[in-house]
């Protein structure tokens, strides 16, 4: 094992990798509660989604660790999950069965892109500023959803949104969770979100919002309600609406993964001088395969997670730490009864915190250039205002091309951007 994962070359050992793997799991473990809770709001069975999420994360993380030898965790992404539930299923009124089929199609396309030379071509096609804008826009969208789920903001006939009843017990639990997560992050505690969620659950139990389950450990629930639904509903994805959904899922998953690979690779010496990543193709392929499997199981796009950096900070340097993390996900399958103690108001702070982290990309945008700043701003602001990540991307990309052309920089625009402009225009006209 030590030879396979090059422990000596990487200057690491079993203990360091084990601690790193467990740390990564504790940092990302909150998704096991947040993802099922969010998807249950669109009619997906919470217990089935829990199993699907844990299995997809376990298999994906094992593959990227054992085959790509990357110290990285794969799990259903928060941004992708929020887009699936709130933009697609709720905002566009698309049944979750059709939407999950769209996830499978996006995964299949991702596999093709990862296995071919298209990946580098696509990465170069999208302007860096627009990537930053999309990340920040998703952050605002997720945070908006978090505030809504918490009850901190509510609908208003006169002002569209307003401050909710902050004296409501559920709202107070959400505020407590948010403050605890913030304090833990300020103190540099890597598992801040997980700890904040635990505090929220304890507070909910104390004031009677939820009750303690009759047992903590049980046989994993059945995936029957969600397993294979993505395959049986593939026939429903051939519509303009679903084309936009699939594009957005692919876009978000692809660039999330590419960015995370660079961030993690640079920390453990896997980023080469020419900018390429050692075993980068295998890592991308691991991600795309995990998305396909996750969709078949019954969960949203499985993607590379920045939480991997917590494990690296704890000593992880090789793919063996990912194998350990995968094992932790498998063990978690037996703790499904704990789901009954988690409500949307308890998971809302996690959405707000993750949203704030994604907004850090705002500082990277070239705000001094109006052809960039205006289109970036439209991308960012329209995601929460239209309640659609996809339409925010479409509006931002359209205006970027228009402004760049009138700036006299038409030749600097990648051909793919022109193709996307035409496709987005068609989408808006046939919508």
Protein backbone atom coordinates (compact mmCIF):
# COMPACT_ATOMS: atom_id res chain seq x y z
CA UNK A 1 0.00 0.00 0.00
CA UNK A 2 2.74 2.47 0.95
CA UNK A 3 4.51 1.73 -2.35
CA UNK A 4 1.32 2.07 -4.42
CA UNK A 5 0.53 5.49 -2.94
CA UNK A 6 4.20 6.57 -2.86
CA UNK A 7 4.28 7.34 0.87
CA UNK A 8 8.07 7.68 0.91
CA UNK A 9 8.21 9.97 -2.12
CA UNK A 10 5.41 12.15 -0.70
CA UNK A 11 7.02 12.18 2.76
CA UNK A 12 3.94 10.84 4.53
CA UNK A 13 2.80 7.80 6.51
CA UNK A 14 -0.30 5.78 7.34
CA UNK A 15 -1.16 7.82 10.45
CA UNK A 16 -1.01 11.17 8.65
CA UNK A 17 -3.11 9.89 5.76
CA UNK A 18 -5.67 8.32 8.10
CA UNK A 19 -6.06 11.50 10.14
CA UNK A 20 -6.28 13.54 6.95
CA UNK A 21 -8.98 11.27 5.54
CA UNK A 22 -11.10 11.36 8.71
CA UNK A 23 -10.70 15.15 8.94
CA UNK A 24 -11.91 15.55 5.38
CA UNK A 25 -14.95 13.40 6.13
CA UNK A 26 -15.88 15.39 9.24
CA UNK A 27 -15.54 18.60 7.23
CA UNK A 28 -17.84 17.39 4.43
CA UNK A 29 -20.19 15.23 6.55
CA UNK A 30 -22.79 18.00 6.73
CA UNK A 31 -23.83 17.24 3.13
CA UNK A 32 -25.25 13.91 4.32
CA UNK A 33 -27.89 15.91 6.21
CA UNK A 34 -28.22 19.02 4.01
CA UNK A 35 -28.60 17.31 0.61
CA UNK A 36 -31.46 14.96 1.65
CA UNK A 37 -33.25 17.79 3.47
CA UNK A 38 -33.13 20.07 0.42
CA UNK A 39 -34.14 17.39 -2.08
CA UNK A 40 -37.01 16.29 0.15
CA UNK A 41 -38.52 19.73 -0.53
CA UNK A 42 -39.10 18.72 -4.17
CA UNK A 43 -40.64 15.35 -3.31
CA UNK A 44 -37.60 13.08 -3.20
CA UNK A 45 -37.64 10.55 -0.31
CA UNK A 46 -35.15 11.80 2.28
CA UNK A 47 -33.93 8.33 3.33
CA UNK A 48 -33.29 7.18 -0.25
CA UNK A 49 -31.41 10.39 -1.05
CA UNK A 50 -29.30 9.92 2.08
CA UNK A 51 -28.17 6.48 0.92
CA UNK A 52 -27.66 7.67 -2.67
CA UNK A 53 -25.58 10.62 -1.47
CA UNK A 54 -23.40 8.52 0.84
CA UNK A 55 -22.84 5.82 -1.80
CA UNK A 56 -22.07 8.28 -4.60
CA UNK A 57 -19.61 10.09 -2.34
CA UNK A 58 -18.01 6.83 -1.17
CA UNK A 59 -17.56 5.37 -4.64
CA UNK A 60 -16.45 8.64 -6.25
CA UNK A 61 -13.99 9.41 -3.47
CA UNK A 62 -12.58 5.88 -3.57
CA UNK A 63 -12.08 6.05 -7.35
CA UNK A 64 -10.32 9.42 -7.29
CA UNK A 65 -8.14 8.23 -4.42
CA UNK A 66 -7.29 4.71 -5.58
CA UNK A 67 -7.03 5.34 -9.33
CA UNK A 68 -6.20 9.05 -9.77
CA UNK A 69 -4.27 8.99 -6.45
CA UNK A 70 -5.69 12.39 -5.53
CA UNK A 71 -6.27 13.37 -1.86
CA UNK A 72 -9.72 14.68 -2.67
CA UNK A 73 -13.30 14.08 -1.60
CA UNK A 74 -16.17 13.85 -4.08
CA UNK A 75 -19.73 14.52 -2.96
CA UNK A 76 -22.93 16.08 -4.30
CA UNK A 77 -22.17 19.80 -4.58
CA UNK A 78 -24.16 22.39 -2.65
CA UNK A 79 -24.42 24.78 -5.60
CA UNK A 80 -25.49 22.03 -7.97
CA UNK A 81 -27.95 20.71 -5.41
CA UNK A 82 -29.50 24.16 -4.88
CA UNK A 83 -29.78 24.69 -8.63
CA UNK A 84 -31.44 21.29 -9.05
CA UNK A 85 -33.99 21.82 -6.29
CA UNK A 86 -34.80 25.51 -6.33
CA UNK A 87 -34.11 26.61 -9.92
CA UNK A 88 -35.09 23.49 -11.84
CA UNK A 89 -37.73 21.65 -9.81
CA UNK A 90 -39.34 24.61 -8.04
CA UNK A 91 -38.49 27.56 -10.30
CA UNK A 92 -39.04 25.81 -13.65
CA UNK A 93 -41.67 23.36 -12.34
CA UNK A 94 -39.79 20.35 -13.71
CA UNK A 95 -40.50 17.02 -11.92
CA UNK A 96 -37.54 15.68 -9.97
CA UNK A 97 -37.69 12.48 -12.01
CA UNK A 98 -36.99 14.43 -15.22
CA UNK A 99 -34.40 16.63 -13.54
CA UNK A 100 -32.45 13.64 -12.20
CA UNK A 101 -32.39 12.23 -15.75
CA UNK A 102 -30.82 15.55 -16.77
CA UNK A 103 -28.13 15.00 -14.14
CA UNK A 104 -27.35 11.62 -15.71
CA UNK A 105 -27.09 13.15 -19.19
CA UNK A 106 -24.78 15.90 -17.91
CA UNK A 107 -22.64 13.19 -16.32
CA UNK A 108 -22.45 11.19 -19.55
CA UNK A 109 -21.39 14.30 -21.48
CA UNK A 110 -18.83 15.01 -18.75
CA UNK A 111 -17.41 11.49 -19.19
CA UNK A 112 -17.03 12.10 -22.94
CA UNK A 113 -15.38 15.49 -22.37
CA UNK A 114 -13.04 14.07 -19.71
CA UNK A 115 -12.00 11.13 -21.87
CA UNK A 116 -11.23 13.31 -24.88
CA UNK A 117 -9.18 16.39 -25.66
CA UNK A 118 -12.25 18.61 -25.40
CA UNK A 119 -11.70 19.44 -21.74
CA UNK A 120 -8.80 21.87 -22.28
CA UNK A 121 -10.59 23.46 -25.25
CA UNK A 122 -13.68 24.13 -23.13
CA UNK A 123 -11.67 25.45 -20.17
CA UNK A 124 -10.01 28.00 -22.46
CA UNK A 125 -13.31 29.01 -24.09
CA UNK A 126 -14.95 30.58 -21.04
CA UNK A 127 -13.44 33.93 -19.94
CA UNK A 128 -11.90 33.78 -16.49
CA UNK A 129 -13.89 36.80 -15.31
CA UNK A 130 -17.14 35.06 -16.19
CA UNK A 131 -16.07 31.99 -14.22
CA UNK A 132 -15.53 34.21 -11.19
CA UNK A 133 -18.90 35.90 -11.75
CA UNK A 134 -20.71 32.57 -12.00
CA UNK A 135 -19.12 31.38 -8.76
CA UNK A 136 -20.15 34.56 -6.92
CA UNK A 137 -23.65 34.45 -8.40
CA UNK A 138 -24.12 30.88 -7.23
CA UNK A 139 -22.92 32.02 -3.81
CA UNK A 140 -25.58 34.74 -3.63
CA UNK A 141 -28.23 32.31 -4.86
CA UNK A 142 -27.35 29.67 -2.26
CA UNK A 143 -27.24 32.28 0.52
CA UNK A 144 -30.63 33.65 -0.56
CA UNK A 145 -32.10 30.15 -0.40
CA UNK A 146 -30.50 29.70 3.02
CA UNK A 147 -32.06 32.90 4.40
CA UNK A 148 -35.42 31.86 2.96
CA UNK A 149 -35.27 28.33 4.41
CA UNK A 150 -34.23 29.75 7.77
CA UNK A 151 -37.25 32.04 7.84
CA UNK A 152 -34.93 35.04 8.28
CA UNK A 153 -36.44 36.52 5.11
CA UNK A 154 -40.01 35.95 3.95
CA UNK A 155 -42.18 36.93 1.00
CA UNK A 156 -43.88 40.32 1.00
CA UNK A 157 -46.62 41.68 -1.29
CA UNK A 158 -45.33 45.24 -1.00
CA UNK A 159 -41.54 44.79 -1.04
CA UNK A 160 -41.15 41.25 -2.48
CA UNK A 161 -39.04 40.19 0.52
CA UNK A 162 -38.96 41.27 4.16
CA UNK A 163 -37.43 40.31 7.49
CA UNK A 164 -39.14 37.30 9.04
CA UNK A 165 -40.22 36.76 12.62
CA UNK A 166 -36.87 36.48 14.37
CA UNK A 167 -38.63 35.53 17.63
CA UNK A 168 -39.82 32.28 16.05
CA UNK A 169 -38.04 29.29 17.71
CA UNK A 170 -37.05 27.77 14.37
CA UNK A 171 -35.60 31.07 13.15
CA UNK A 172 -33.67 31.47 16.40
CA UNK A 173 -32.18 27.99 15.95
CA UNK A 174 -31.08 28.95 12.42
CA UNK A 175 -29.52 32.20 13.67
CA UNK A 176 -27.73 30.31 16.45
CA UNK A 177 -26.36 27.80 13.94
CA UNK A 178 -25.17 30.61 11.66
CA UNK A 179 -23.40 32.44 14.50
CA UNK A 180 -21.75 29.25 15.78
CA UNK A 181 -20.52 28.33 12.29
CA UNK A 182 -19.17 31.85 11.84
CA UNK A 183 -17.36 31.83 15.19
CA UNK A 184 -15.82 28.42 14.50
CA UNK A 185 -14.64 29.58 11.07
CA UNK A 186 -13.16 32.75 12.55
CA UNK A 187 -11.28 30.56 15.02
CA UNK A 188 -9.95 28.44 12.14
CA UNK A 189 -11.81 25.25 13.08
CA UNK A 190 -11.94 23.10 9.94
CA UNK A 191 -15.19 21.33 10.77
CA UNK A 192 -17.07 24.55 11.53
CA UNK A 193 -20.14 23.79 9.41
CA UNK A 194 -20.52 20.29 10.85
CA UNK A 195 -20.14 21.62 14.41
CA UNK A 196 -22.68 24.37 13.77
CA UNK A 197 -25.16 21.81 12.48
CA UNK A 198 -24.68 19.68 15.62
CA UNK A 199 -25.28 22.74 17.83
CA UNK A 200 -28.47 23.52 15.87
CA UNK A 201 -29.72 19.95 16.34
CA UNK A 202 -29.00 20.06 20.08
CA UNK A 203 -30.83 23.41 20.36
CA UNK A 204 -33.77 22.00 18.39
CA UNK A 205 -33.95 19.02 20.74
CA UNK A 206 -33.74 21.28 23.80
CA UNK A 207 -36.70 23.46 22.81
CA UNK A 208 -38.79 20.62 21.40
CA UNK A 209 -38.56 21.44 17.69
CA UNK A 210 -37.48 17.86 17.00
CA UNK A 211 -37.36 14.68 19.03
CA UNK A 212 -34.60 12.13 19.50
CA UNK A 213 -35.00 9.01 17.30
CA UNK A 214 -35.77 5.66 18.90
CA UNK A 215 -32.41 4.36 17.63
CA UNK A 216 -29.23 5.91 16.27
CA UNK A 217 -27.96 2.95 14.22
CA UNK A 218 -29.98 0.90 11.73
CA UNK A 219 -29.75 -1.03 8.48
CA UNK A 220 -29.40 1.46 5.58
CA UNK A 221 -32.77 2.43 4.04
CA UNK A 222 -33.75 1.20 0.58
CA UNK A 223 -32.86 3.22 -2.51
CA UNK A 224 -35.79 1.71 -4.42
CA UNK A 225 -37.81 4.97 -4.66
CA UNK A 226 -34.97 6.75 -6.48
CA UNK A 227 -32.75 4.00 -7.92
CA UNK A 228 -32.87 3.88 -11.73
CA UNK A 229 -35.39 6.72 -12.06
CA UNK A 230 -32.82 8.72 -14.03
CA UNK A 231 -32.66 5.97 -16.66
CA UNK A 232 -36.41 5.44 -17.01
CA UNK A 233 -36.99 9.18 -17.50
CA UNK A 234 -34.27 9.82 -20.10
CA UNK A 235 -37.00 10.17 -22.71
CA UNK A 236 -38.22 13.34 -20.96
CA UNK A 237 -35.02 15.40 -21.30
CA UNK A 238 -35.38 16.33 -24.98
CA UNK A 239 -36.86 19.82 -24.48
CA UNK A 240 -35.39 23.36 -24.70
CA UNK A 241 -35.88 23.75 -20.95
CA UNK A 242 -33.95 20.60 -20.17
CA UNK A 243 -31.23 21.53 -22.66
CA UNK A 244 -30.60 24.67 -20.58
CA UNK A 245 -30.68 22.61 -17.38
CA UNK A 246 -28.19 20.05 -18.70
CA UNK A 247 -25.85 22.77 -19.98
CA UNK A 248 -25.91 24.55 -16.61
CA UNK A 249 -25.30 21.33 -14.67
CA UNK A 250 -22.40 20.44 -16.95
CA UNK A 251 -20.95 23.96 -16.78
CA UNK A 252 -21.12 24.13 -12.98
CA UNK A 253 -19.78 20.60 -12.45
CA UNK A 254 -16.97 20.91 -14.98
CA UNK A 255 -15.56 24.22 -13.76
CA UNK A 256 -16.11 23.37 -10.09
CA UNK A 257 -13.99 20.29 -10.62
CA UNK A 258 -11.32 22.01 -12.71
CA UNK A 259 -10.91 24.78 -10.13
CA UNK A 260 -10.79 22.40 -7.18
CA UNK A 261 -8.24 20.16 -8.90
CA UNK A 262 -5.92 23.14 -9.37
CA UNK A 263 -6.39 24.29 -5.76
CA UNK A 264 -5.77 20.83 -4.28
CA UNK A 265 -3.07 19.87 -6.78
CA UNK A 266 -1.04 22.98 -5.95
CA UNK A 267 -1.09 22.06 -2.25
CA UNK A 268 0.27 18.52 -2.66
CA UNK A 269 2.71 18.96 -5.54
CA UNK A 270 0.48 17.60 -8.31
CA UNK A 271 0.36 20.87 -10.27
CA UNK A 272 3.06 20.83 -12.96
CA UNK A 273 5.05 23.85 -14.17
CA UNK A 274 3.09 23.98 -17.44
CA UNK A 275 -0.17 24.34 -15.50
CA UNK A 276 -1.34 20.78 -16.12
CA UNK A 277 -2.28 18.46 -13.27
CA UNK A 278 -0.71 15.06 -12.63
CA UNK A 279 -3.40 12.42 -13.25
CA UNK A 280 -5.79 15.29 -14.07
CA UNK A 281 -7.60 13.29 -16.74
CA UNK A 282 -8.20 10.41 -14.33
CA UNK A 283 -9.45 12.84 -11.69
CA UNK A 284 -11.94 14.45 -14.09
CA UNK A 285 -13.07 11.02 -15.24
CA UNK A 286 -13.56 9.95 -11.60
CA UNK A 287 -15.78 12.98 -11.04
CA UNK A 288 -17.88 12.39 -14.14
CA UNK A 289 -18.34 8.67 -13.43
CA UNK A 290 -19.40 9.50 -9.87
CA UNK A 291 -22.02 11.92 -11.23
CA UNK A 292 -23.46 9.19 -13.46
CA UNK A 293 -23.59 6.69 -10.60
CA UNK A 294 -25.05 9.26 -8.23
CA UNK A 295 -27.82 10.12 -10.70
CA UNK A 296 -28.69 6.43 -11.10
CA UNK A 297 -28.74 6.04 -7.30
CA UNK A 298 -30.88 9.17 -6.90
CA UNK A 299 -28.81 12.25 -6.02
CA UNK A 300 -27.50 15.36 -7.76
CA UNK A 301 -24.13 15.94 -9.47
CA UNK A 302 -21.21 14.53 -7.51
CA UNK A 303 -18.30 16.93 -7.74
CA UNK A 304 -14.86 17.68 -6.31
CA UNK A 305 -15.10 19.58 -3.02
CA UNK A 306 -12.88 22.30 -1.56
CA UNK A 307 -13.36 20.63 1.83
CA UNK A 308 -10.52 18.39 0.65
CA UNK A 309 -8.16 21.17 1.71
CA UNK A 310 -9.01 20.55 5.38
CA UNK A 311 -7.65 17.01 5.11
CA UNK A 312 -4.52 18.27 3.40
CA UNK A 313 -4.02 20.78 6.21
CA UNK A 314 -4.30 17.83 8.63
CA UNK A 315 -1.55 15.90 6.82
CA UNK A 316 -3.10 14.18 3.78
CA UNK A 317 -0.81 14.03 0.75
CA UNK A 318 -1.88 10.95 -1.21
CA UNK A 319 -4.94 9.18 -2.54
CA UNK A 320 -4.96 6.85 0.46
CA UNK A 321 -6.57 9.61 2.53
CA UNK A 322 -9.45 9.57 0.04
CA UNK A 323 -9.81 5.82 0.49
CA UNK A 324 -10.16 6.46 4.24
CA UNK A 325 -12.76 9.17 3.60
CA UNK A 326 -14.68 6.78 1.33
CA UNK A 327 -14.72 4.21 4.14
CA UNK A 328 -16.18 6.82 6.50
CA UNK A 329 -19.00 7.49 4.03
CA UNK A 330 -19.81 3.77 3.97
CA UNK A 331 -19.94 3.65 7.77
CA UNK A 332 -22.29 6.66 7.78
CA UNK A 333 -24.90 4.60 5.90
CA UNK A 334 -25.85 2.98 9.21
CA UNK A 335 -26.74 6.29 10.89
CA UNK A 336 -29.80 7.24 8.82
CA UNK A 337 -32.13 7.57 11.88
CA UNK A 338 -30.35 10.83 12.71
CA UNK A 339 -32.01 12.39 9.65
CA UNK A 340 -35.26 12.74 11.59
CA UNK A 341 -33.61 15.36 13.81
CA UNK A 342 -32.62 17.63 10.92
CA UNK A 343 -34.93 20.34 9.55
CA UNK A 344 -34.49 22.86 6.73
CA UNK A 345 -33.99 25.63 9.30
CA UNK A 346 -31.09 23.71 10.81
CA UNK A 347 -29.38 23.19 7.46
CA UNK A 348 -30.04 26.76 6.25
CA UNK A 349 -26.93 28.24 7.96
CA UNK A 350 -24.74 25.82 5.98
CA UNK A 351 -26.17 27.25 2.76
CA UNK A 352 -25.48 30.80 3.91
CA UNK A 353 -21.89 30.03 4.94
CA UNK A 354 -21.11 28.13 1.72
CA UNK A 355 -22.64 31.02 -0.23
CA UNK A 356 -20.36 33.50 1.49
CA UNK A 357 -17.32 31.37 0.66
CA UNK A 358 -18.25 31.27 -3.02
CA UNK A 359 -18.55 35.07 -3.07
CA UNK A 360 -14.81 35.37 -2.39
CA UNK A 361 -14.30 35.25 -6.17
CA UNK A 362 -15.75 38.79 -6.40
CA UNK A 363 -12.30 40.22 -5.68
CA UNK A 364 -10.87 38.51 -8.78
CA UNK A 365 -13.19 40.23 -11.29
CA UNK A 366 -11.75 43.15 -13.31
CA UNK A 367 -14.29 45.73 -12.15
CA UNK A 368 -12.41 48.62 -13.83
CA UNK A 369 -13.36 47.33 -17.30
CA UNK A 370 -17.06 48.08 -18.04
CA UNK A 371 -17.32 45.41 -20.74
CA UNK A 372 -16.45 42.91 -18.04
CA UNK A 373 -17.91 44.50 -14.91
CA UNK A 374 -21.44 45.03 -16.28
CA UNK A 375 -21.82 41.51 -17.68
CA UNK A 376 -20.29 40.07 -14.51
CA UNK A 377 -22.70 42.06 -12.34
CA UNK A 378 -25.69 40.92 -14.41
CA UNK A 379 -24.56 37.30 -14.08
CA UNK A 380 -24.26 37.65 -10.32
CA UNK A 381 -27.39 39.65 -9.51
CA UNK A 382 -29.79 37.86 -11.85
CA UNK A 383 -29.19 34.43 -10.33
CA UNK A 384 -30.95 35.22 -7.04
CA UNK A 385 -33.41 37.70 -8.60
CA UNK A 386 -34.65 35.26 -11.27
CA UNK A 387 -34.23 32.32 -8.87
CA UNK A 388 -32.32 30.62 -11.68
CA UNK A 389 -28.59 29.97 -11.94
CA UNK A 390 -28.98 28.96 -15.59
CA UNK A 391 -30.73 32.15 -16.65
CA UNK A 392 -28.19 34.23 -14.74
CA UNK A 393 -25.40 32.53 -16.71
CA UNK A 394 -27.29 33.01 -19.98
CA UNK A 395 -27.89 36.74 -19.44
CA UNK A 396 -24.32 37.31 -18.34
CA UNK A 397 -22.78 35.47 -21.27
CA UNK A 398 -25.07 37.20 -23.79
CA UNK A 399 -24.19 40.67 -22.54
CA UNK A 400 -20.48 39.78 -22.32
CA UNK A 401 -20.38 38.95 -26.02
CA UNK A 402 -22.36 42.08 -26.95
CA UNK A 403 -20.18 44.43 -24.88
CA UNK A 404 -16.93 42.84 -26.07
CA UNK A 405 -18.01 43.20 -29.72
CA UNK A 406 -18.85 46.90 -29.27
CA UNK A 407 -15.57 47.38 -27.42
CA UNK A 408 -13.82 46.21 -30.58
CA UNK A 409 -12.62 42.95 -29.05
CA UNK A 410 -14.69 40.55 -31.15
CA UNK A 411 -11.59 38.57 -32.14
CA UNK A 412 -10.75 37.90 -28.51
CA UNK A 413 -14.03 36.05 -27.99
CA UNK A 414 -13.72 32.28 -28.27
CA UNK A 415 -15.92 30.69 -30.99
CA UNK A 416 -17.69 28.60 -28.35
CA UNK A 417 -18.94 31.82 -26.73
CA UNK A 418 -20.60 32.83 -30.02
CA UNK A 419 -22.23 29.41 -30.27
CA UNK A 420 -23.51 29.72 -26.69
CA UNK A 421 -24.88 33.19 -27.46
CA UNK A 422 -26.99 31.81 -30.31
CA UNK A 423 -28.19 28.90 -28.17
CA UNK A 424 -29.14 31.19 -25.30
CA UNK A 425 -31.08 33.48 -27.66
CA UNK A 426 -32.97 30.49 -29.03
CA UNK A 427 -33.73 29.36 -25.48
CA UNK A 428 -35.20 32.74 -24.47
CA UNK A 429 -37.34 32.95 -27.61
CA UNK A 430 -38.79 29.44 -27.33
CA UNK A 431 -39.11 29.49 -23.54
